């Protein structure tokens, strides 16, 4: 078994296309429930449904402007994706949600910048609304069985730690997760950063497989799996990880050659 206490320089911790790795592992790990937490427009949820067609996909989105478009989406409805009008967090209740101004009729990246944190500067909120929050262990207790194999895709603009803290009661059901993390407080002054997220996941029984950028980037993505996977599951994980790494290196090779030629 891979040792999660190995240092960051361990060659097992690869830089890869984490989105592709996550999708490949959904079927490899026989995931039955996928939670797309911070869905924005359901694009990722559709990709998860295609990668694991036998799974149930829940798309969490608290932003009312994104939510209305998702609820009206024929594509999401036809694929049976369940749109959940909640913000995943570490408590069940309500919270202020800070909405960044965006063009919701177009592919404006700002559609996904709103947060439970109040941003400042360029991303300062234009509107504040009250949204309902839910712990994922509470939600999963109401949806699925005690043995369902779960995967989480977490993209919550600075609130990853709270989302993870909120699924502790169902942690043993979670086989796989993809999480957006920050190495600096670039969203909220009090936000919990990548080392905090990784430490919490290690304590809950997860090991990091890969990231999509060096850990000193302000924001990047990381993939984790449970440390106690079966030997067969680890064999499948290792195969997908190696393939993802080879693909990433092959795609990066022309850039590396071009860079070396300039010196």
C-alpha atoms as a PDB file:
ATOM      1  CA  UNK A   1       0.000   0.000   0.000  1.00  0.00           C
ATOM      2  CA  UNK A   2       1.175   3.512  -0.695  1.00  0.00           C
ATOM      3  CA  UNK A   3       2.317   5.418   2.358  1.00  0.00           C
ATOM      4  CA  UNK A   4       0.509   8.742   2.790  1.00  0.00           C
ATOM      5  CA  UNK A   5       3.272   9.975   5.090  1.00  0.00           C
ATOM      6  CA  UNK A   6       5.765  10.141   2.227  1.00  0.00           C
ATOM      7  CA  UNK A   7       6.992  13.642   1.389  1.00  0.00           C
ATOM      8  CA  UNK A   8       5.543  15.752  -1.381  1.00  0.00           C
ATOM      9  CA  UNK A   9       8.537  14.876  -3.616  1.00  0.00           C
ATOM     10  CA  UNK A  10       7.446  11.216  -3.667  1.00  0.00           C
ATOM     11  CA  UNK A  11       7.149  10.175  -7.357  1.00  0.00           C
ATOM     12  CA  UNK A  12       3.773   8.585  -6.568  1.00  0.00           C
ATOM     13  CA  UNK A  13       2.392  12.115  -6.159  1.00  0.00           C
ATOM     14  CA  UNK A  14       2.098  13.003  -9.851  1.00  0.00           C
ATOM     15  CA  UNK A  15       1.073  16.139 -11.699  1.00  0.00           C
ATOM     16  CA  UNK A  16      -1.614  15.010 -14.144  1.00  0.00           C
ATOM     17  CA  UNK A  17      -4.898  16.047 -15.696  1.00  0.00           C
ATOM     18  CA  UNK A  18      -6.853  15.466 -12.481  1.00  0.00           C
ATOM     19  CA  UNK A  19     -10.250  15.850 -14.147  1.00  0.00           C
ATOM     20  CA  UNK A  20      -9.513  13.003 -16.559  1.00  0.00           C
ATOM     21  CA  UNK A  21      -8.078  10.863 -13.749  1.00  0.00           C
ATOM     22  CA  UNK A  22     -11.183  11.401 -11.611  1.00  0.00           C
ATOM     23  CA  UNK A  23     -13.539  10.451 -14.448  1.00  0.00           C
ATOM     24  CA  UNK A  24     -11.557   7.315 -15.207  1.00  0.00           C
ATOM     25  CA  UNK A  25     -11.584   6.221 -11.583  1.00  0.00           C
ATOM     26  CA  UNK A  26     -15.358   6.572 -11.247  1.00  0.00           C
ATOM     27  CA  UNK A  27     -15.898   3.353 -13.199  1.00  0.00           C
ATOM     28  CA  UNK A  28     -12.693   1.691 -11.978  1.00  0.00           C
ATOM     29  CA  UNK A  29     -13.805   2.061  -8.344  1.00  0.00           C
ATOM     30  CA  UNK A  30     -17.422   1.134  -9.114  1.00  0.00           C
ATOM     31  CA  UNK A  31     -18.762   4.406  -7.724  1.00  0.00           C
ATOM     32  CA  UNK A  32     -22.526   4.422  -7.163  1.00  0.00           C
ATOM     33  CA  UNK A  33     -23.090   8.058  -6.058  1.00  0.00           C
ATOM     34  CA  UNK A  34     -21.282  11.144  -7.362  1.00  0.00           C
ATOM     35  CA  UNK A  35     -21.721  14.520  -5.705  1.00  0.00           C
ATOM     36  CA  UNK A  36     -20.728  17.489  -7.868  1.00  0.00           C
ATOM     37  CA  UNK A  37     -20.366  20.097  -5.129  1.00  0.00           C
ATOM     38  CA  UNK A  38     -20.334  23.621  -6.557  1.00  0.00           C
ATOM     39  CA  UNK A  39     -21.649  22.550  -9.940  1.00  0.00           C
ATOM     40  CA  UNK A  40     -22.132  26.015 -11.514  1.00  0.00           C
ATOM     41  CA  UNK A  41     -23.820  24.816 -14.730  1.00  0.00           C
ATOM     42  CA  UNK A  42     -23.851  21.011 -14.578  1.00  0.00           C
ATOM     43  CA  UNK A  43     -21.159  20.481 -17.239  1.00  0.00           C
ATOM     44  CA  UNK A  44     -19.029  18.357 -14.931  1.00  0.00           C
ATOM     45  CA  UNK A  45     -22.065  16.460 -13.676  1.00  0.00           C
ATOM     46  CA  UNK A  46     -22.869  15.469 -17.264  1.00  0.00           C
ATOM     47  CA  UNK A  47     -19.303  14.238 -17.735  1.00  0.00           C
ATOM     48  CA  UNK A  48     -19.554  12.145 -14.566  1.00  0.00           C
ATOM     49  CA  UNK A  49     -22.849  10.621 -15.707  1.00  0.00           C
ATOM     50  CA  UNK A  50     -21.231   9.679 -19.019  1.00  0.00           C
ATOM     51  CA  UNK A  51     -18.181   8.168 -17.294  1.00  0.00           C
ATOM     52  CA  UNK A  52     -20.254   6.175 -14.778  1.00  0.00           C
ATOM     53  CA  UNK A  53     -23.715   5.717 -16.336  1.00  0.00           C
ATOM     54  CA  UNK A  54     -24.939   3.399 -13.581  1.00  0.00           C
ATOM     55  CA  UNK A  55     -24.248   5.952 -10.842  1.00  0.00           C
ATOM     56  CA  UNK A  56     -26.574   8.550  -9.322  1.00  0.00           C
ATOM     57  CA  UNK A  57     -25.255  12.083  -9.827  1.00  0.00           C
ATOM     58  CA  UNK A  58     -26.196  14.960  -7.519  1.00  0.00           C
ATOM     59  CA  UNK A  59     -25.272  18.487  -8.632  1.00  0.00           C
ATOM     60  CA  UNK A  60     -25.103  20.952  -5.704  1.00  0.00           C
ATOM     61  CA  UNK A  61     -25.494  24.634  -6.607  1.00  0.00           C
ATOM     62  CA  UNK A  62     -26.564  27.421  -4.193  1.00  0.00           C
ATOM     63  CA  UNK A  63     -26.193  30.391  -6.552  1.00  0.00           C
ATOM     64  CA  UNK A  64     -29.821  31.165  -7.524  1.00  0.00           C
ATOM     65  CA  UNK A  65     -28.858  32.410 -10.995  1.00  0.00           C
ATOM     66  CA  UNK A  66     -26.896  29.267 -11.838  1.00  0.00           C
ATOM     67  CA  UNK A  67     -29.538  27.153 -10.131  1.00  0.00           C
ATOM     68  CA  UNK A  68     -32.400  28.412 -12.295  1.00  0.00           C
ATOM     69  CA  UNK A  69     -30.514  27.621 -15.481  1.00  0.00           C
ATOM     70  CA  UNK A  70     -29.618  24.149 -14.228  1.00  0.00           C
ATOM     71  CA  UNK A  71     -33.186  23.363 -13.199  1.00  0.00           C
ATOM     72  CA  UNK A  72     -34.340  24.318 -16.696  1.00  0.00           C
ATOM     73  CA  UNK A  73     -31.640  22.290 -18.475  1.00  0.00           C
ATOM     74  CA  UNK A  74     -33.019  19.494 -20.699  1.00  0.00           C
ATOM     75  CA  UNK A  75     -29.589  17.828 -20.778  1.00  0.00           C
ATOM     76  CA  UNK A  76     -29.430  17.467 -16.988  1.00  0.00           C
ATOM     77  CA  UNK A  77     -33.012  16.279 -16.840  1.00  0.00           C
ATOM     78  CA  UNK A  78     -32.536  13.697 -19.602  1.00  0.00           C
ATOM     79  CA  UNK A  79     -29.468  12.210 -17.909  1.00  0.00           C
ATOM     80  CA  UNK A  80     -31.306  11.946 -14.586  1.00  0.00           C
ATOM     81  CA  UNK A  81     -28.955  14.316 -12.783  1.00  0.00           C
ATOM     82  CA  UNK A  82     -30.549  15.566  -9.573  1.00  0.00           C
ATOM     83  CA  UNK A  83     -30.000  19.298  -9.036  1.00  0.00           C
ATOM     84  CA  UNK A  84     -29.613  20.099  -5.332  1.00  0.00           C
ATOM     85  CA  UNK A  85     -30.297  23.745  -4.292  1.00  0.00           C
ATOM     86  CA  UNK A  86     -27.954  23.613  -1.293  1.00  0.00           C
ATOM     87  CA  UNK A  87     -24.461  24.711  -0.284  1.00  0.00           C
ATOM     88  CA  UNK A  88     -22.452  21.833   1.190  1.00  0.00           C
ATOM     89  CA  UNK A  89     -20.753  22.906   4.413  1.00  0.00           C
ATOM     90  CA  UNK A  90     -19.902  21.764   7.944  1.00  0.00           C
ATOM     91  CA  UNK A  91     -23.361  22.432   9.359  1.00  0.00           C
ATOM     92  CA  UNK A  92     -27.032  22.142   8.505  1.00  0.00           C
ATOM     93  CA  UNK A  93     -28.692  25.541   8.461  1.00  0.00           C
ATOM     94  CA  UNK A  94     -28.378  28.769   6.498  1.00  0.00           C
ATOM     95  CA  UNK A  95     -25.544  31.110   5.559  1.00  0.00           C
ATOM     96  CA  UNK A  96     -24.874  34.283   3.618  1.00  0.00           C
ATOM     97  CA  UNK A  97     -23.824  33.646   0.032  1.00  0.00           C
ATOM     98  CA  UNK A  98     -21.892  36.397  -1.757  1.00  0.00           C
ATOM     99  CA  UNK A  99     -22.771  36.685  -5.433  1.00  0.00           C
ATOM    100  CA  UNK A 100     -20.199  38.095  -7.841  1.00  0.00           C
ATOM    101  CA  UNK A 101     -21.662  39.945 -10.816  1.00  0.00           C
ATOM    102  CA  UNK A 102     -21.583  37.837 -14.000  1.00  0.00           C
ATOM    103  CA  UNK A 103     -23.203  37.359 -17.391  1.00  0.00           C
ATOM    104  CA  UNK A 104     -25.170  34.192 -16.720  1.00  0.00           C
ATOM    105  CA  UNK A 105     -26.394  33.906 -20.316  1.00  0.00           C
ATOM    106  CA  UNK A 106     -22.835  33.467 -21.616  1.00  0.00           C
ATOM    107  CA  UNK A 107     -19.777  31.448 -20.667  1.00  0.00           C
ATOM    108  CA  UNK A 108     -18.598  34.027 -18.147  1.00  0.00           C
ATOM    109  CA  UNK A 109     -16.020  32.552 -15.752  1.00  0.00           C
ATOM    110  CA  UNK A 110     -17.425  34.782 -12.992  1.00  0.00           C
ATOM    111  CA  UNK A 111     -20.522  32.554 -12.848  1.00  0.00           C
ATOM    112  CA  UNK A 112     -18.425  30.255 -10.674  1.00  0.00           C
ATOM    113  CA  UNK A 113     -16.732  32.858  -8.465  1.00  0.00           C
ATOM    114  CA  UNK A 114     -19.508  33.429  -5.927  1.00  0.00           C
ATOM    115  CA  UNK A 115     -18.822  31.981  -2.487  1.00  0.00           C
ATOM    116  CA  UNK A 116     -19.762  31.599   1.144  1.00  0.00           C
ATOM    117  CA  UNK A 117     -16.752  33.872   1.624  1.00  0.00           C
ATOM    118  CA  UNK A 118     -17.027  37.588   0.941  1.00  0.00           C
ATOM    119  CA  UNK A 119     -14.368  38.404  -1.633  1.00  0.00           C
ATOM    120  CA  UNK A 120     -12.766  41.799  -2.046  1.00  0.00           C
ATOM    121  CA  UNK A 121     -11.323  43.800  -4.918  1.00  0.00           C
ATOM    122  CA  UNK A 122     -12.145  42.612  -8.444  1.00  0.00           C
ATOM    123  CA  UNK A 123     -14.364  39.812  -7.170  1.00  0.00           C
ATOM    124  CA  UNK A 124     -16.328  41.883  -4.653  1.00  0.00           C
ATOM    125  CA  UNK A 125     -19.940  40.710  -4.318  1.00  0.00           C
ATOM    126  CA  UNK A 126     -22.750  42.658  -5.935  1.00  0.00           C
ATOM    127  CA  UNK A 127     -25.444  40.831  -3.973  1.00  0.00           C
ATOM    128  CA  UNK A 128     -25.796  38.820  -0.759  1.00  0.00           C
ATOM    129  CA  UNK A 129     -28.471  36.137  -0.392  1.00  0.00           C
ATOM    130  CA  UNK A 130     -29.292  33.610   2.302  1.00  0.00           C
ATOM    131  CA  UNK A 131     -28.847  29.991   1.212  1.00  0.00           C
ATOM    132  CA  UNK A 132     -29.522  26.658   2.879  1.00  0.00           C
ATOM    133  CA  UNK A 133     -26.476  24.631   3.903  1.00  0.00           C
ATOM    134  CA  UNK A 134     -26.113  20.903   4.466  1.00  0.00           C
ATOM    135  CA  UNK A 135     -23.518  18.499   5.789  1.00  0.00           C
ATOM    136  CA  UNK A 136     -22.769  15.847   3.187  1.00  0.00           C
ATOM    137  CA  UNK A 137     -22.949  13.079   5.779  1.00  0.00           C
ATOM    138  CA  UNK A 138     -26.499  14.240   6.510  1.00  0.00           C
ATOM    139  CA  UNK A 139     -27.353  14.370   2.809  1.00  0.00           C
ATOM    140  CA  UNK A 140     -25.810  10.978   2.064  1.00  0.00           C
ATOM    141  CA  UNK A 141     -27.640   9.482   5.016  1.00  0.00           C
ATOM    142  CA  UNK A 142     -30.889  10.425   3.285  1.00  0.00           C
ATOM    143  CA  UNK A 143     -29.791   9.412  -0.226  1.00  0.00           C
ATOM    144  CA  UNK A 144     -28.336   5.970  -0.796  1.00  0.00           C
ATOM    145  CA  UNK A 145     -27.458   3.121   1.496  1.00  0.00           C
ATOM    146  CA  UNK A 146     -24.847   2.629   4.177  1.00  0.00           C
ATOM    147  CA  UNK A 147     -22.709   0.667   1.708  1.00  0.00           C
ATOM    148  CA  UNK A 148     -22.984   2.933  -1.356  1.00  0.00           C
ATOM    149  CA  UNK A 149     -19.611   3.806  -2.880  1.00  0.00           C
ATOM    150  CA  UNK A 150     -19.361   7.601  -3.118  1.00  0.00           C
ATOM    151  CA  UNK A 151     -17.175  10.046  -5.072  1.00  0.00           C
ATOM    152  CA  UNK A 152     -17.013  13.782  -4.398  1.00  0.00           C
ATOM    153  CA  UNK A 153     -16.043  16.610  -6.759  1.00  0.00           C
ATOM    154  CA  UNK A 154     -15.525  19.699  -4.566  1.00  0.00           C
ATOM    155  CA  UNK A 155     -15.216  23.155  -6.133  1.00  0.00           C
ATOM    156  CA  UNK A 156     -16.508  25.579  -3.514  1.00  0.00           C
ATOM    157  CA  UNK A 157     -14.351  28.705  -3.798  1.00  0.00           C
ATOM    158  CA  UNK A 158     -12.359  28.488  -0.591  1.00  0.00           C
ATOM    159  CA  UNK A 159     -14.695  26.280   1.458  1.00  0.00           C
ATOM    160  CA  UNK A 160     -13.195  22.856   0.728  1.00  0.00           C
ATOM    161  CA  UNK A 161     -12.151  22.258   4.342  1.00  0.00           C
ATOM    162  CA  UNK A 162     -15.690  22.875   5.626  1.00  0.00           C
ATOM    163  CA  UNK A 163     -17.206  20.561   2.998  1.00  0.00           C
ATOM    164  CA  UNK A 164     -14.795  17.781   3.982  1.00  0.00           C
ATOM    165  CA  UNK A 165     -15.398  18.405   7.692  1.00  0.00           C
ATOM    166  CA  UNK A 166     -19.097  17.966   6.919  1.00  0.00           C
ATOM    167  CA  UNK A 167     -18.792  14.459   5.467  1.00  0.00           C
ATOM    168  CA  UNK A 168     -16.864  12.915   8.367  1.00  0.00           C
ATOM    169  CA  UNK A 169     -19.830  10.751   9.333  1.00  0.00           C
ATOM    170  CA  UNK A 170     -19.852   9.188   5.862  1.00  0.00           C
ATOM    171  CA  UNK A 171     -16.091   9.225   5.209  1.00  0.00           C
ATOM    172  CA  UNK A 172     -15.780   5.446   4.938  1.00  0.00           C
ATOM    173  CA  UNK A 173     -18.300   5.463   2.081  1.00  0.00           C
ATOM    174  CA  UNK A 174     -16.253   7.972   0.078  1.00  0.00           C
ATOM    175  CA  UNK A 175     -13.810   6.140  -2.185  1.00  0.00           C
ATOM    176  CA  UNK A 176     -12.600   9.050  -4.318  1.00  0.00           C
ATOM    177  CA  UNK A 177     -12.570  12.835  -4.252  1.00  0.00           C
ATOM    178  CA  UNK A 178     -11.348  15.688  -6.431  1.00  0.00           C
ATOM    179  CA  UNK A 179     -10.921  18.945  -4.543  1.00  0.00           C
ATOM    180  CA  UNK A 180     -10.018  22.506  -5.473  1.00  0.00           C
ATOM    181  CA  UNK A 181      -7.607  23.910  -2.875  1.00  0.00           C
ATOM    182  CA  UNK A 182      -5.639  27.088  -2.258  1.00  0.00           C
ATOM    183  CA  UNK A 183      -2.098  27.566  -0.956  1.00  0.00           C
ATOM    184  CA  UNK A 184      -2.753  31.203  -0.021  1.00  0.00           C
ATOM    185  CA  UNK A 185      -5.768  33.044   1.379  1.00  0.00           C
ATOM    186  CA  UNK A 186      -6.762  34.362  -2.045  1.00  0.00           C
ATOM    187  CA  UNK A 187     -10.530  34.037  -1.484  1.00  0.00           C
ATOM    188  CA  UNK A 188     -11.208  34.631   2.210  1.00  0.00           C
ATOM    189  CA  UNK A 189      -8.859  35.922   4.887  1.00  0.00           C
ATOM    190  CA  UNK A 190      -9.862  33.131   7.289  1.00  0.00           C
ATOM    191  CA  UNK A 191     -10.021  30.282   4.783  1.00  0.00           C
ATOM    192  CA  UNK A 192      -8.353  26.936   5.510  1.00  0.00           C
ATOM    193  CA  UNK A 193      -5.561  26.167   3.054  1.00  0.00           C
ATOM    194  CA  UNK A 194      -4.190  23.120   1.249  1.00  0.00           C
ATOM    195  CA  UNK A 195      -2.081  21.816   4.174  1.00  0.00           C
ATOM    196  CA  UNK A 196      -5.171  21.921   6.420  1.00  0.00           C
ATOM    197  CA  UNK A 197      -7.274  20.112   3.817  1.00  0.00           C
ATOM    198  CA  UNK A 198      -4.628  17.445   3.266  1.00  0.00           C
ATOM    199  CA  UNK A 199      -4.101  16.905   6.999  1.00  0.00           C
ATOM    200  CA  UNK A 200      -7.848  16.486   7.574  1.00  0.00           C
ATOM    201  CA  UNK A 201      -8.172  14.032   4.675  1.00  0.00           C
ATOM    202  CA  UNK A 202      -5.176  12.035   5.898  1.00  0.00           C
ATOM    203  CA  UNK A 203      -6.804  11.826   9.331  1.00  0.00           C
ATOM    204  CA  UNK A 204     -10.031  10.604   7.737  1.00  0.00           C
ATOM    205  CA  UNK A 205      -8.200   7.808   5.919  1.00  0.00           C
ATOM    206  CA  UNK A 206      -7.375   9.299   2.506  1.00  0.00           C
ATOM    207  CA  UNK A 207      -4.134   9.499   0.549  1.00  0.00           C
ATOM    208  CA  UNK A 208      -3.287  11.986  -2.193  1.00  0.00           C
ATOM    209  CA  UNK A 209      -2.781  10.558  -5.664  1.00  0.00           C
ATOM    210  CA  UNK A 210      -1.998  13.589  -7.806  1.00  0.00           C
ATOM    211  CA  UNK A 211      -2.405  17.309  -8.396  1.00  0.00           C
ATOM    212  CA  UNK A 212      -2.795  19.306 -11.589  1.00  0.00           C
ATOM    213  CA  UNK A 213      -0.143  21.903 -10.663  1.00  0.00           C
ATOM    214  CA  UNK A 214       2.706  22.405  -8.174  1.00  0.00           C
ATOM    215  CA  UNK A 215       1.559  22.876  -4.596  1.00  0.00           C
ATOM    216  CA  UNK A 216       2.892  26.439  -4.434  1.00  0.00           C
ATOM    217  CA  UNK A 217       0.258  27.690  -6.906  1.00  0.00           C
ATOM    218  CA  UNK A 218      -2.390  29.938  -5.365  1.00  0.00           C
ATOM    219  CA  UNK A 219      -5.115  27.515  -6.485  1.00  0.00           C
ATOM    220  CA  UNK A 220      -5.001  23.989  -7.912  1.00  0.00           C
ATOM    221  CA  UNK A 221      -6.798  20.642  -7.818  1.00  0.00           C
ATOM    222  CA  UNK A 222      -5.910  17.413  -6.024  1.00  0.00           C
ATOM    223  CA  UNK A 223      -7.237  13.857  -6.188  1.00  0.00           C
ATOM    224  CA  UNK A 224      -7.476  11.652  -3.087  1.00  0.00           C
ATOM    225  CA  UNK A 225      -8.607   8.045  -2.568  1.00  0.00           C
ATOM    226  CA  UNK A 226      -9.186   5.963   0.528  1.00  0.00           C
ATOM    227  CA  UNK A 227      -6.073   4.395   1.975  1.00  0.00           C
ATOM    228  CA  UNK A 228      -7.891   1.120   2.753  1.00  0.00           C
ATOM    229  CA  UNK A 229      -8.949   0.249  -0.783  1.00  0.00           C
ATOM    230  CA  UNK A 230      -8.782  -3.409  -1.695  1.00  0.00           C
ATOM    231  CA  UNK A 231      -5.720  -4.763  -3.483  1.00  0.00           C
ATOM    232  CA  UNK A 232      -7.747  -5.005  -6.690  1.00  0.00           C
ATOM    233  CA  UNK A 233      -8.894  -1.411  -6.389  1.00  0.00           C
ATOM    234  CA  UNK A 234      -5.314  -0.243  -5.790  1.00  0.00           C
ATOM    235  CA  UNK A 235      -4.194  -2.096  -8.914  1.00  0.00           C
ATOM    236  CA  UNK A 236      -6.836  -0.282 -10.967  1.00  0.00           C
ATOM    237  CA  UNK A 237      -5.963   3.056  -9.348  1.00  0.00           C
ATOM    238  CA  UNK A 238      -2.271   2.557 -10.088  1.00  0.00           C
ATOM    239  CA  UNK A 239      -2.979   1.750 -13.736  1.00  0.00           C
ATOM    240  CA  UNK A 240      -5.115   4.854 -14.208  1.00  0.00           C
ATOM    241  CA  UNK A 241      -2.592   7.036 -12.406  1.00  0.00           C
ATOM    242  CA  UNK A 242       0.294   5.803 -14.555  1.00  0.00           C
ATOM    243  CA  UNK A 243      -1.706   6.303 -17.754  1.00  0.00           C
ATOM    244  CA  UNK A 244      -2.725   9.815 -16.665  1.00  0.00           C
ATOM    245  CA  UNK A 245       0.881  10.704 -15.876  1.00  0.00           C
ATOM    246  CA  UNK A 246       2.142   9.373 -19.225  1.00  0.00           C
ATOM    247  CA  UNK A 247      -0.529  11.346 -21.069  1.00  0.00           C
ATOM    248  CA  UNK A 248       0.361  14.495 -19.180  1.00  0.00           C
ATOM    249  CA  UNK A 249       4.076  14.060 -19.898  1.00  0.00           C
ATOM    250  CA  UNK A 250       3.402  13.373 -23.575  1.00  0.00           C
ATOM    251  CA  UNK A 251       1.303  16.539 -23.858  1.00  0.00           C
ATOM    252  CA  UNK A 252       3.963  18.577 -22.039  1.00  0.00           C
ATOM    253  CA  UNK A 253       6.917  17.258 -24.080  1.00  0.00           C
ATOM    254  CA  UNK A 254       6.595  19.741 -26.997  1.00  0.00           C
ATOM    255  CA  UNK A 255       6.560  22.634 -24.513  1.00  0.00           C
ATOM    256  CA  UNK A 256       9.605  21.266 -22.708  1.00  0.00           C
ATOM    257  CA  UNK A 257      11.503  20.848 -25.979  1.00  0.00           C
ATOM    258  CA  UNK A 258      10.563  24.361 -27.100  1.00  0.00           C
ATOM    259  CA  UNK A 259      11.694  25.764 -23.777  1.00  0.00           C
ATOM    260  CA  UNK A 260      15.043  23.966 -23.872  1.00  0.00           C
ATOM    261  CA  UNK A 261      15.631  25.174 -27.418  1.00  0.00           C
ATOM    262  CA  UNK A 262      15.359  28.827 -26.374  1.00  0.00           C
ATOM    263  CA  UNK A 263      18.208  28.610 -23.883  1.00  0.00           C
END
